[in-house]
N, C-alpha and C. Protein backbone atom coordinates (compact mmCIF):
# COMPACT_ATOMS: atom_id res chain seq x y z
N UNK A 1 23.83 2.93 -37.08
CA UNK A 1 22.92 3.19 -35.66
C UNK A 1 23.37 4.52 -34.98
N UNK A 2 24.33 5.03 -35.34
CA UNK A 2 24.85 6.46 -34.49
C UNK A 2 23.93 7.37 -35.31
N UNK A 3 23.96 7.14 -36.91
CA UNK A 3 23.07 8.22 -37.77
C UNK A 3 21.76 8.11 -37.18
N UNK A 4 21.04 6.91 -37.22
CA UNK A 4 19.74 7.15 -36.81
C UNK A 4 19.44 7.70 -35.40
N UNK A 5 20.32 7.43 -34.31
CA UNK A 5 19.96 7.96 -33.04
C UNK A 5 20.19 9.36 -33.35
N UNK A 6 20.89 9.85 -34.58
CA UNK A 6 21.21 11.50 -34.36
C UNK A 6 20.04 11.87 -35.14
N UNK A 7 19.50 11.16 -36.06
CA UNK A 7 18.30 11.71 -36.79
C UNK A 7 17.20 11.91 -36.19
N UNK A 8 16.87 10.84 -35.19
CA UNK A 8 15.97 10.64 -34.43
C UNK A 8 16.12 11.78 -32.94
N UNK A 9 17.09 12.21 -32.72
CA UNK A 9 17.15 13.26 -31.84
C UNK A 9 17.06 14.61 -32.65
N UNK A 10 17.49 14.47 -33.48
CA UNK A 10 17.28 16.10 -34.35
C UNK A 10 15.70 16.34 -34.90
N UNK A 11 15.08 15.10 -35.08
CA UNK A 11 13.54 15.06 -35.29
C UNK A 11 12.77 15.68 -33.91
N UNK A 12 13.18 14.98 -32.84
CA UNK A 12 12.44 15.28 -31.43
C UNK A 12 13.02 16.92 -31.24
N UNK A 13 13.90 17.53 -31.39
CA UNK A 13 14.16 18.93 -31.25
C UNK A 13 13.50 19.35 -32.00
N UNK A 14 13.20 19.60 -33.38
CA UNK A 14 12.60 20.11 -34.48
C UNK A 14 11.00 19.96 -33.88
N UNK A 15 10.54 19.06 -33.39
CA UNK A 15 9.23 18.86 -33.15
C UNK A 15 8.93 19.71 -31.70
N UNK A 16 9.92 19.89 -30.95
CA UNK A 16 9.68 20.53 -29.70
C UNK A 16 9.72 22.01 -30.13
N UNK A 17 10.24 22.56 -31.21
CA UNK A 17 10.35 24.04 -31.32
C UNK A 17 8.92 24.41 -31.28
N UNK A 18 9.01 25.86 -31.03
CA UNK A 18 7.58 26.90 -31.39
C UNK A 18 6.64 26.25 -30.41
N UNK A 19 6.73 25.24 -29.28
CA UNK A 19 5.67 24.86 -28.26
C UNK A 19 5.86 25.87 -26.96
N UNK A 20 4.90 26.33 -26.45
CA UNK A 20 5.17 27.30 -25.43
C UNK A 20 5.38 26.32 -24.08
N UNK A 21 5.73 26.67 -23.00
CA UNK A 21 6.15 26.20 -22.03
C UNK A 21 5.07 26.16 -21.24
N UNK A 22 4.00 25.06 -20.68
CA UNK A 22 3.11 25.22 -20.16
C UNK A 22 3.42 25.19 -18.73
N UNK A 23 4.59 25.33 -17.94
CA UNK A 23 5.06 25.60 -16.77
C UNK A 23 5.85 26.79 -16.66
N UNK A 24 5.46 27.41 -16.15
CA UNK A 24 6.28 28.74 -16.16
C UNK A 24 7.18 28.51 -15.15
N UNK A 25 8.48 29.35 -15.06
CA UNK A 25 9.52 28.91 -14.16
C UNK A 25 9.73 30.13 -13.23
N UNK A 26 8.89 31.18 -13.43
CA UNK A 26 8.96 32.35 -12.80
C UNK A 26 7.96 32.42 -11.50
N UNK A 27 8.06 32.68 -10.36
CA UNK A 27 7.13 32.67 -9.28
C UNK A 27 5.95 33.52 -9.75
N UNK A 28 4.62 33.34 -9.27
CA UNK A 28 3.64 34.15 -9.57
C UNK A 28 3.69 35.48 -8.78
N UNK A 29 4.01 35.50 -7.56
CA UNK A 29 4.32 36.74 -6.91
C UNK A 29 5.69 36.68 -6.54
N UNK A 30 6.67 37.74 -7.36
CA UNK A 30 7.75 37.64 -7.04
C UNK A 30 8.00 38.49 -5.48
N UNK A 31 7.34 39.28 -4.89
CA UNK A 31 7.35 39.69 -3.78
C UNK A 31 7.43 38.92 -2.77
N UNK A 32 6.67 37.56 -3.19
CA UNK A 32 6.43 36.85 -1.76
C UNK A 32 7.87 35.72 -1.63
N UNK A 33 8.66 35.96 -2.71
CA UNK A 33 9.96 35.24 -2.54
C UNK A 33 11.06 35.86 -1.66
N UNK A 34 11.49 35.01 -0.86
CA UNK A 34 12.30 35.34 0.24
C UNK A 34 14.05 34.73 0.02
N UNK A 35 14.95 35.64 0.32
CA UNK A 35 16.28 35.30 -0.15
C UNK A 35 16.54 34.97 1.24
N UNK A 36 17.39 33.73 1.34
CA UNK A 36 18.18 33.47 2.50
C UNK A 36 19.45 34.21 2.95
N UNK A 37 19.54 34.56 4.50
CA UNK A 37 20.72 35.49 4.80
C UNK A 37 21.81 34.88 4.70
N UNK A 38 22.89 35.60 4.28
CA UNK A 38 24.40 34.71 4.21
C UNK A 38 24.80 34.64 5.92
N UNK A 39 25.16 33.74 6.00
CA UNK A 39 25.61 33.13 7.10
C UNK A 39 26.87 32.33 7.06
N UNK A 40 27.81 32.66 7.76
CA UNK A 40 29.08 32.14 7.59
C UNK A 40 29.37 31.27 9.09
N UNK A 41 29.79 30.24 8.83
CA UNK A 41 30.02 29.42 9.90
C UNK A 41 31.61 28.80 9.61
N UNK A 42 32.51 29.36 10.52
CA UNK A 42 33.90 28.91 10.51
C UNK A 42 34.25 27.69 11.06
N UNK A 43 35.07 26.78 10.65
CA UNK A 43 35.43 25.20 11.01
C UNK A 43 35.50 25.22 12.61
N UNK A 44 36.34 26.43 13.13
CA UNK A 44 36.58 26.27 14.58
C UNK A 44 34.96 26.52 15.47
N UNK A 45 34.27 26.93 14.75
CA UNK A 45 33.01 26.93 15.45
C UNK A 45 32.11 25.68 15.46
N UNK A 46 32.49 24.76 14.71
CA UNK A 46 31.68 23.35 14.58
C UNK A 46 32.03 22.76 15.80
N UNK A 47 31.23 22.20 16.46
CA UNK A 47 31.58 21.05 17.64
C UNK A 47 32.14 19.62 16.76
N UNK A 48 33.08 19.16 17.70
CA UNK A 48 33.39 17.89 17.24
C UNK A 48 33.57 16.98 18.46
N UNK A 49 33.66 15.52 18.27
CA UNK A 49 33.53 14.81 19.24
C UNK A 49 34.52 14.92 20.51
N UNK A 50 35.83 15.48 20.18
CA UNK A 50 36.50 15.77 21.23
C UNK A 50 36.10 16.84 22.05
N UNK A 51 35.31 17.73 21.69
CA UNK A 51 34.45 18.63 22.28
C UNK A 51 33.80 18.17 23.61
N UNK A 52 33.40 17.19 23.48
CA UNK A 52 32.36 16.67 24.45
C UNK A 52 32.95 15.50 25.30
N UNK A 53 34.22 14.87 24.82
CA UNK A 53 34.52 13.54 25.54
C UNK A 53 34.88 13.87 27.07
N UNK A 54 35.41 14.85 27.94
CA UNK A 54 35.64 15.27 28.96
C UNK A 54 34.29 14.92 29.50
N UNK A 55 32.95 15.88 29.32
CA UNK A 55 31.89 15.98 29.92
C UNK A 55 31.46 14.48 29.96
N UNK A 56 31.47 13.72 28.62
CA UNK A 56 30.95 12.36 28.55
C UNK A 56 31.46 11.41 29.67
N UNK A 57 32.78 11.44 29.93
CA UNK A 57 33.71 10.56 30.54
C UNK A 57 33.34 11.03 32.17
N UNK A 58 32.87 12.11 32.50
CA UNK A 58 32.77 12.60 33.84
C UNK A 58 31.22 11.94 34.29
N UNK A 59 30.19 12.24 33.20
CA UNK A 59 28.89 12.10 33.67
C UNK A 59 28.09 10.46 33.29
N UNK A 60 29.07 9.68 31.88
CA UNK A 60 28.56 8.56 31.92
C UNK A 60 29.53 7.52 32.22
N UNK A 61 28.67 6.52 32.89
CA UNK A 61 29.53 5.40 33.48
C UNK A 61 28.69 4.09 33.58
N UNK A 62 29.00 2.76 33.86
CA UNK A 62 28.41 1.80 33.57
C UNK A 62 26.76 2.00 33.91
N UNK A 63 26.57 2.28 35.24
CA UNK A 63 25.09 2.48 35.69
C UNK A 63 24.23 3.23 34.77
N UNK A 64 25.00 4.72 34.23
CA UNK A 64 23.95 5.54 33.55
C UNK A 64 24.05 5.44 31.89
N UNK A 65 24.70 4.24 31.32
CA UNK A 65 24.98 4.75 30.00
C UNK A 65 23.54 4.19 29.14
N UNK A 66 23.02 3.46 29.64
CA UNK A 66 21.74 2.97 29.14
C UNK A 66 20.84 4.02 29.02
N UNK A 67 20.44 4.77 30.27
CA UNK A 67 19.63 6.04 30.20
C UNK A 67 20.26 7.06 29.30
N UNK A 68 21.45 7.33 29.45
CA UNK A 68 21.96 8.57 28.51
C UNK A 68 21.93 8.00 26.93
N UNK A 69 21.98 6.76 26.56
CA UNK A 69 21.90 6.25 25.31
C UNK A 69 20.44 6.32 24.65
N UNK A 70 19.48 6.06 25.92
CA UNK A 70 18.05 6.38 25.42
C UNK A 70 17.64 7.64 25.45
N UNK A 71 18.20 8.79 25.82
CA UNK A 71 18.15 10.01 25.75
C UNK A 71 18.65 10.53 24.60
N UNK A 72 19.83 10.23 23.83
CA UNK A 72 20.32 10.64 22.89
C UNK A 72 19.66 10.14 21.58
N UNK A 73 19.23 8.95 21.62
CA UNK A 73 18.24 8.25 20.54
C UNK A 73 17.10 9.04 20.60
N UNK A 74 16.27 9.35 21.75
CA UNK A 74 14.97 9.99 21.52
C UNK A 74 15.05 11.56 21.12
N UNK A 75 16.73 12.19 21.29
CA UNK A 75 16.73 13.65 20.87
C UNK A 75 17.11 13.71 19.41
N UNK A 76 17.53 12.33 18.70
CA UNK A 76 17.79 12.54 17.25
C UNK A 76 16.64 12.02 16.65
N UNK A 77 15.81 11.48 17.03
CA UNK A 77 14.55 10.91 16.70
C UNK A 77 14.44 9.48 16.32
N UNK A 78 15.20 8.84 17.03
CA UNK A 78 15.21 7.29 16.94
C UNK A 78 14.61 6.42 18.15
N UNK A 79 14.06 5.51 17.68
CA UNK A 79 13.28 4.70 18.61
C UNK A 79 12.47 5.60 19.64
């Protein structure tokens, strides 16, 4: 069984030899490509939930939680 699979794989590889790639991988206009800038973000700069707890505790209560939740869902694209 393994010998048959090896022979079949070899024949497929031989059949593919000499064929040109119909889809070139290089861009048509090399000047149009733009490199992304190197941006470094340090862990200390990333916001975490603890950064917002004091503000949330002061501004969200039983009467305002629904409007705050709706605003957050709208902000992230939900509902």
